[in-house]
C-alpha atoms as a PDB file:
ATOM      1  CA  MET A   1     -28.174  23.119  29.799  1.00  0.00           C
ATOM      2  CA  ALA A   2     -31.102  21.183  28.427  1.00  0.00           C
ATOM      3  CA  THR A   3     -30.880  18.636  25.664  1.00  0.00           C
ATOM      4  CA  ARG A   4     -33.620  17.601  23.376  1.00  0.00           C
ATOM      5  CA  LYS A   5     -33.729  14.731  20.919  1.00  0.00           C
ATOM      6  CA  LEU A   6     -34.078  15.681  17.253  1.00  0.00           C
ATOM      7  CA  ASP A   7     -37.030  14.411  15.291  1.00  0.00           C
ATOM      8  CA  LYS A   8     -36.113  11.419  13.131  1.00  0.00           C
ATOM      9  CA  SER A   9     -36.972  13.279   9.895  1.00  0.00           C
ATOM     10  CA  ASP A  10     -34.853  16.295  10.902  1.00  0.00           C
ATOM     11  CA  LEU A  11     -31.908  14.040  11.760  1.00  0.00           C
ATOM     12  CA  GLU A  12     -32.274  12.196   8.440  1.00  0.00           C
ATOM     13  CA  GLN A  13     -32.291  15.515   6.548  1.00  0.00           C
ATOM     14  CA  LEU A  14     -29.117  16.622   8.315  1.00  0.00           C
ATOM     15  CA  LYS A  15     -27.394  13.268   7.692  1.00  0.00           C
ATOM     16  CA  SER A  16     -28.434  13.364   4.024  1.00  0.00           C
ATOM     17  CA  LEU A  17     -27.074  16.897   3.714  1.00  0.00           C
ATOM     18  CA  GLN A  18     -23.819  15.845   5.360  1.00  0.00           C
ATOM     19  CA  GLU A  19     -23.476  12.883   2.954  1.00  0.00           C
ATOM     20  CA  SER A  20     -24.141  15.187   0.011  1.00  0.00           C
ATOM     21  CA  TYR A  21     -21.397  17.539   1.207  1.00  0.00           C
ATOM     22  CA  GLN A  22     -18.984  14.624   1.473  1.00  0.00           C
ATOM     23  CA  GLN A  23     -19.856  13.415  -2.039  1.00  0.00           C
ATOM     24  CA  VAL A  24     -19.470  16.874  -3.534  1.00  0.00           C
ATOM     25  CA  THR A  25     -16.192  17.417  -1.689  1.00  0.00           C
ATOM     26  CA  ALA A  26     -14.891  14.084  -2.996  1.00  0.00           C
ATOM     27  CA  GLN A  27     -15.929  15.057  -6.538  1.00  0.00           C
ATOM     28  CA  ILE A  28     -14.160  18.413  -6.202  1.00  0.00           C
ATOM     29  CA  ALA A  29     -11.009  16.604  -5.056  1.00  0.00           C
ATOM     30  CA  SER A  30     -11.286  14.158  -7.961  1.00  0.00           C
ATOM     31  CA  CYS A  31     -11.738  17.005 -10.447  1.00  0.00           C
ATOM     32  CA  THR A  32      -8.761  18.841  -8.983  1.00  0.00           C
ATOM     33  CA  ILE A  33      -6.558  15.778  -9.342  1.00  0.00           C
ATOM     34  CA  ASP A  34      -7.797  15.203 -12.912  1.00  0.00           C
ATOM     35  CA  ILE A  35      -7.076  18.830 -13.797  1.00  0.00           C
ATOM     36  CA  GLU A  36      -3.525  18.514 -12.456  1.00  0.00           C
ATOM     37  CA  LEU A  37      -2.916  15.294 -14.374  1.00  0.00           C
ATOM     38  CA  ILE A  38      -4.312  16.796 -17.569  1.00  0.00           C
ATOM     39  CA  ALA A  39      -2.181  19.904 -17.077  1.00  0.00           C
ATOM     40  CA  GLU A  40       0.901  17.672 -16.853  1.00  0.00           C
ATOM     41  CA  GLN A  41      -0.154  15.845 -20.013  1.00  0.00           C
ATOM     42  CA  LEU A  42      -0.698  19.139 -21.796  1.00  0.00           C
ATOM     43  CA  GLN A  43       2.772  20.286 -20.761  1.00  0.00           C
ATOM     44  CA  GLU A  44       4.279  17.056 -22.069  1.00  0.00           C
ATOM     45  CA  LEU A  45       2.359  17.419 -25.327  1.00  0.00           C
ATOM     46  CA  GLU A  46       3.476  21.020 -25.668  1.00  0.00           C
ATOM     47  CA  THR A  47       7.096  19.956 -25.206  1.00  0.00           C
ATOM     48  CA  GLU A  48       6.667  17.196 -27.791  1.00  0.00           C
ATOM     49  CA  LYS A  49       4.970  19.612 -30.193  1.00  0.00           C
ATOM     50  CA  LYS A  50       7.877  22.058 -29.906  1.00  0.00           C
ATOM     51  CA  PHE A  51      10.328  19.251 -30.603  1.00  0.00           C
ATOM     52  CA  GLN A  52       8.330  18.071 -33.631  1.00  0.00           C
ATOM     53  CA  MET A  53       7.989  21.631 -34.953  1.00  0.00           C
ATOM     54  CA  LYS A  54      11.773  21.975 -34.731  1.00  0.00           C
ATOM     55  CA  GLN A  55      12.097  18.722 -36.670  1.00  0.00           C
ATOM     56  CA  PHE A  56       9.604  20.020 -39.243  1.00  0.00           C
ATOM     57  CA  LYS A  57      11.520  23.279 -39.695  1.00  0.00           C
ATOM     58  CA  ASP A  58      14.793  21.379 -40.009  1.00  0.00           C
ATOM     59  CA  LEU A  59      13.254  19.167 -42.690  1.00  0.00           C
ATOM     60  CA  ARG A  60      12.006  22.201 -44.598  1.00  0.00           C
ATOM     61  CA  GLU A  61      15.485  23.700 -44.460  1.00  0.00           C
ATOM     62  CA  GLU A  62      16.994  20.431 -45.684  1.00  0.00           C
ATOM     63  CA  GLU A  63      14.395  20.280 -48.471  1.00  0.00           C
ATOM     64  CA  SER A  64      15.245  23.820 -49.519  1.00  0.00           C
ATOM     65  CA  LYS A  65      18.948  22.951 -49.709  1.00  0.00           C
ATOM     66  CA  ILE A  66      18.255  19.804 -51.744  1.00  0.00           C
ATOM     67  CA  ILE A  67      16.002  21.731 -54.146  1.00  0.00           C
ATOM     68  CA  SER A  68      18.684  24.372 -54.573  1.00  0.00           C
ATOM     69  CA  THR A  69      21.326  21.728 -55.282  1.00  0.00           C
ATOM     70  CA  LEU A  70      19.077  19.900 -57.745  1.00  0.00           C
ATOM     71  CA  LYS A  71      18.189  23.147 -59.475  1.00  0.00           C
ATOM     72  CA  GLU A  72      21.887  23.872 -59.982  1.00  0.00           C
ATOM     73  CA  LYS A  73      22.464  20.355 -61.292  1.00  0.00           C
ATOM     74  CA  TYR A  74      19.382  19.897 -63.514  1.00  0.00           C
ATOM     75  CA  GLY A  75      18.036  23.417 -64.050  1.00  0.00           C
ATOM     76  CA  ASP A  76      14.404  24.515 -63.743  1.00  0.00           C
ATOM     77  CA  GLY A  77      11.802  21.803 -63.961  1.00  0.00           C
ATOM     78  CA  GLU A  78       9.884  19.184 -62.066  1.00  0.00           C
ATOM     79  CA  ILE A  79      10.929  15.932 -60.473  1.00  0.00           C
ATOM     80  CA  ASN A  80       8.762  12.840 -60.556  1.00  0.00           C
ATOM     81  CA  ILE A  81       9.934  10.933 -57.497  1.00  0.00           C
ATOM     82  CA  ASN A  82       7.891   7.826 -58.322  1.00  0.00           C
ATOM     83  CA  GLU A  83       9.519   7.447 -61.719  1.00  0.00           C
ATOM     84  CA  GLY A  84      12.860   8.953 -60.723  1.00  0.00           C
ATOM     85  CA  ILE A  85      12.889  11.427 -63.592  1.00  0.00           C
ATOM     86  CA  PHE A  86      13.474  15.119 -64.114  1.00  0.00           C
ATOM     87  CA  ILE A  87      11.191  17.029 -66.501  1.00  0.00           C
ATOM     88  CA  SER A  88      12.812  20.161 -67.839  1.00  0.00           C
ATOM     89  CA  GLN A  89      10.776  23.343 -68.287  1.00  0.00           C
ATOM     90  CA  GLU A  90      12.760  24.261 -71.399  1.00  0.00           C
END
Protein backbone atom coordinates (compact mmCIF):
# COMPACT_ATOMS: atom_id res chain seq x y z
CA MET A 1 0.00 0.00 0.00
CA ALA A 2 1.46 3.29 -1.12
CA THR A 3 1.12 6.53 0.76
CA ARG A 4 1.33 9.96 -0.67
CA LYS A 5 1.53 13.29 1.11
CA LEU A 6 -1.38 15.66 0.52
CA ASP A 7 -0.72 19.06 -0.96
CA LYS A 8 -0.66 21.78 1.69
CA SER A 9 -3.65 23.60 0.13
CA ASP A 10 -5.71 20.39 -0.01
CA LEU A 11 -4.90 19.61 3.63
CA GLU A 12 -5.82 23.17 4.65
CA GLN A 13 -9.16 22.88 2.82
CA LEU A 14 -9.94 19.62 4.59
CA LYS A 15 -8.95 21.03 8.00
CA SER A 16 -11.05 24.15 7.37
CA LEU A 17 -14.01 21.98 6.40
CA GLN A 18 -13.55 19.87 9.52
CA GLU A 19 -13.45 23.01 11.71
CA SER A 20 -16.59 24.30 10.03
CA TYR A 21 -18.36 21.01 10.76
CA GLN A 22 -17.33 21.25 14.41
CA GLN A 23 -18.57 24.84 14.67
CA VAL A 24 -21.89 24.01 13.04
CA THR A 25 -22.31 20.93 15.23
CA ALA A 26 -21.62 23.03 18.33
CA GLN A 27 -24.18 25.61 17.17
CA ILE A 28 -26.76 22.87 16.59
CA ALA A 29 -26.13 21.56 20.11
CA SER A 30 -26.43 25.08 21.54
CA CYS A 31 -29.69 25.66 19.67
CA THR A 32 -31.05 22.33 20.88
CA ILE A 33 -30.26 23.20 24.49
CA ASP A 34 -31.79 26.67 24.08
CA ILE A 35 -34.94 25.16 22.58
CA GLU A 36 -35.27 22.77 25.53
CA LEU A 37 -34.78 25.56 28.06
CA ILE A 38 -37.30 27.77 26.27
CA ALA A 39 -39.77 24.89 26.12
CA GLU A 40 -39.46 24.51 29.90
CA GLN A 41 -40.01 28.24 30.35
CA LEU A 42 -43.04 28.12 28.10
CA GLN A 43 -44.46 25.24 30.14
CA GLU A 44 -43.91 27.20 33.35
CA LEU A 45 -45.55 30.26 31.82
CA GLU A 46 -48.48 28.19 30.62
CA THR A 47 -48.96 26.80 34.13
CA GLU A 48 -48.79 30.31 35.59
CA LYS A 49 -51.23 31.59 32.97
CA LYS A 50 -53.73 28.86 33.85
CA PHE A 51 -53.42 29.73 37.53
CA GLN A 52 -53.91 33.45 36.83
CA MET A 53 -56.89 32.76 34.55
CA LYS A 54 -58.47 30.76 37.37
CA GLN A 55 -57.86 33.71 39.69
CA PHE A 56 -59.40 36.04 37.10
CA LYS A 57 -62.51 33.87 36.75
CA ASP A 58 -62.84 33.64 40.53
CA LEU A 59 -62.63 37.42 40.78
CA ARG A 60 -65.31 37.83 38.13
CA GLU A 61 -67.55 35.44 40.03
CA GLU A 62 -66.92 37.35 43.26
CA GLU A 63 -67.66 40.63 41.45
CA SER A 64 -70.91 39.22 40.12
CA LYS A 65 -71.98 38.18 43.63
CA ILE A 66 -71.09 41.60 45.07
CA ILE A 67 -73.01 43.38 42.29
CA SER A 68 -76.02 41.17 42.92
CA THR A 69 -75.89 41.88 46.66
CA LEU A 70 -75.50 45.63 46.10
CA LYS A 71 -78.34 45.64 43.59
CA GLU A 72 -80.61 44.02 46.18
CA LYS A 73 -79.51 46.53 48.81
CA TYR A 74 -79.48 49.76 46.76
CA GLY A 75 -81.51 48.95 43.63
CA ASP A 76 -80.53 49.76 40.04
CA GLY A 77 -77.94 52.44 39.56
CA GLU A 78 -74.27 53.22 39.43
CA ILE A 79 -71.58 53.25 42.08
CA ASN A 80 -68.84 55.84 42.16
CA ILE A 81 -66.06 54.03 44.02
CA ASN A 82 -63.85 57.13 44.26
CA GLU A 83 -66.54 59.12 46.04
CA GLY A 84 -68.16 56.14 47.77
CA ILE A 85 -71.64 56.99 46.53
CA PHE A 86 -74.53 55.23 44.86
CA ILE A 87 -76.41 57.03 42.07
CA SER A 88 -79.92 55.71 41.62
CA GLN A 89 -81.39 55.31 38.14
CA GLU A 90 -84.84 56.27 39.41
